[in-house]
Amino acid sequence: VQFVESGGGLVQPGGSLRLSCAASGFTFSGYAMRWYRQAPEKERELVAHISNTGGYRNYADSVRGRFTISRDNGKNTVYLQMNSLTPDDTAVYYCTRVTRDYWGQGTQVTVSS
C-alpha cells in the first residue's frame, strides 16, 4: 500500500492550491479516503473525508466552505482543493485510507506573504 502526495508549496494568504494523492497497492474504490494535516508542534488533525464512491463528504469546521475533497476511482487518486488559504492552514498534508494503517510522506503547504 502506498500513498504519494503532491501539489504543496508556498502560497500567499487568500490563494489556492490543489493537492493530489496517488494511491496504489489496494482496491482504491473499496475504501473511504481522508486528508489529514499536521502543523509544527501540533497533533495531526483530520481535514476532510470522502466515501468510497464520493457520495459522502465531510470536513473539519476550520476548512468547511474553503476546501473540497474529491476522488477519481479510475485514476486511484484523491484530491484536496484548497481556497482562501490562511497562515493557519500551514502544515504538512497527508492522505490515507479510512483504516489509517499506511501513510505517505506528505506534502508541505506554507501560507505566507
Protein backbone atom coordinates (compact mmCIF):
# COMPACT_ATOMS: atom_id res chain seq x y z
CA VAL A 1 0.00 0.00 0.00
CA GLN A 2 1.41 3.39 -0.97
CA PHE A 3 0.27 6.99 -0.96
CA VAL A 4 2.16 9.74 -2.80
CA GLU A 5 1.03 13.29 -2.07
CA SER A 6 1.89 16.22 -4.30
CA GLY A 7 0.86 19.78 -5.08
CA GLY A 8 2.02 21.58 -1.97
CA GLY A 9 4.07 24.74 -1.95
CA LEU A 10 4.29 28.35 -0.84
CA VAL A 11 1.20 30.47 -1.42
CA GLN A 12 0.11 33.92 -0.29
CA PRO A 13 -2.86 34.38 2.05
CA GLY A 14 -6.08 34.21 0.07
CA GLY A 15 -4.53 31.96 -2.54
CA SER A 16 -5.38 28.44 -3.65
CA LEU A 17 -3.68 25.09 -4.03
CA ARG A 18 -4.80 21.70 -5.28
CA LEU A 19 -3.27 18.68 -3.62
CA SER A 20 -3.23 15.25 -5.22
CA CYS A 21 -2.68 11.83 -3.70
CA ALA A 22 -1.89 8.84 -5.88
CA ALA A 23 -2.77 5.56 -4.18
CA SER A 24 -1.58 2.07 -5.08
CA GLY A 25 -1.37 -1.46 -3.72
CA PHE A 26 -5.01 -1.93 -2.79
CA THR A 27 -8.53 -1.70 -4.23
CA PHE A 28 -8.88 2.07 -4.11
CA SER A 29 -12.59 2.14 -4.92
CA GLY A 30 -13.31 0.00 -1.88
CA TYR A 31 -12.10 2.49 0.69
CA ALA A 32 -13.14 5.85 2.01
CA MET A 33 -10.23 8.28 1.92
CA ARG A 34 -9.10 11.11 4.15
CA TRP A 35 -6.81 14.11 4.19
CA TYR A 36 -5.04 14.99 7.42
CA ARG A 37 -2.65 17.79 8.29
CA GLN A 38 -0.03 18.38 10.94
CA ALA A 39 1.31 21.80 11.83
CA PRO A 40 4.57 22.24 13.77
CA GLU A 41 4.20 21.25 17.43
CA LYS A 42 0.56 20.30 16.91
CA GLU A 43 -1.23 16.97 16.68
CA ARG A 44 -2.27 15.57 13.33
CA GLU A 45 -5.85 16.56 12.57
CA LEU A 46 -8.49 15.26 10.19
CA VAL A 47 -9.25 17.77 7.44
CA ALA A 48 -11.61 16.01 5.07
CA HIS A 49 -13.24 12.63 4.44
CA ILE A 50 -14.79 11.16 1.31
CA SER A 51 -16.67 7.88 0.96
CA ASN A 52 -15.51 5.20 -1.45
CA THR A 53 -17.99 6.31 -4.13
CA GLY A 54 -17.57 10.02 -3.46
CA GLY A 55 -21.20 10.38 -2.49
CA TYR A 56 -20.49 11.45 1.09
CA ARG A 57 -18.01 14.12 2.12
CA ASN A 58 -17.28 15.73 5.46
CA TYR A 59 -14.92 18.47 6.62
CA ALA A 60 -13.33 19.90 9.71
CA ASP A 61 -15.08 23.05 10.86
CA SER A 62 -11.89 25.03 10.23
CA VAL A 63 -11.91 24.28 6.49
CA ARG A 64 -15.58 23.79 5.64
CA GLY A 65 -16.60 26.09 2.81
CA ARG A 66 -12.99 26.64 1.71
CA PHE A 67 -11.69 23.12 0.98
CA THR A 68 -13.19 20.48 -1.31
CA ILE A 69 -12.24 16.82 -1.32
CA SER A 70 -12.82 14.73 -4.43
CA ARG A 71 -11.66 11.47 -5.94
CA ASP A 72 -11.21 9.73 -9.28
CA ASN A 73 -11.53 5.99 -8.82
CA GLY A 74 -10.38 5.41 -12.39
CA LYS A 75 -7.06 7.07 -11.57
CA ASN A 76 -6.76 5.86 -7.96
CA THR A 77 -6.34 9.48 -6.91
CA VAL A 78 -7.86 11.70 -4.25
CA TYR A 79 -7.69 15.49 -4.39
CA LEU A 80 -7.97 18.41 -2.00
CA GLN A 81 -8.84 21.79 -3.49
CA MET A 82 -7.92 24.48 -1.00
CA ASN A 83 -9.16 28.05 -1.45
CA SER A 84 -8.96 31.22 0.64
CA LEU A 85 -5.88 29.91 2.39
CA THR A 86 -4.70 31.50 5.62
CA PRO A 87 -1.46 31.15 7.60
CA ASP A 88 -3.34 28.77 9.95
CA ASP A 89 -3.52 26.30 7.07
CA THR A 90 0.27 25.94 7.06
CA ALA A 91 1.05 22.27 7.69
CA VAL A 92 2.20 19.02 6.15
CA TYR A 93 -0.80 17.43 4.44
CA TYR A 94 -1.22 13.66 4.29
CA CYS A 95 -3.73 11.41 2.60
CA THR A 96 -4.64 7.94 3.81
CA ARG A 97 -7.40 5.41 3.60
CA VAL A 98 -10.00 5.32 6.35
CA THR A 99 -8.23 2.48 8.18
CA ARG A 100 -5.20 4.80 8.70
CA ASP A 101 -2.80 1.86 8.53
CA TYR A 102 -0.46 3.33 5.91
CA TRP A 103 0.75 6.88 5.43
CA GLY A 104 2.63 8.74 2.74
CA GLN A 105 5.42 11.28 3.18
CA GLY A 106 3.03 14.20 2.99
CA THR A 107 3.28 17.48 1.11
CA GLN A 108 4.20 20.79 2.73
CA VAL A 109 1.77 23.70 2.43
CA THR A 110 3.03 27.08 3.57
CA VAL A 111 0.77 30.13 3.54
CA SER A 112 2.75 33.31 3.98
CA SER A 113 3.17 36.75 2.49
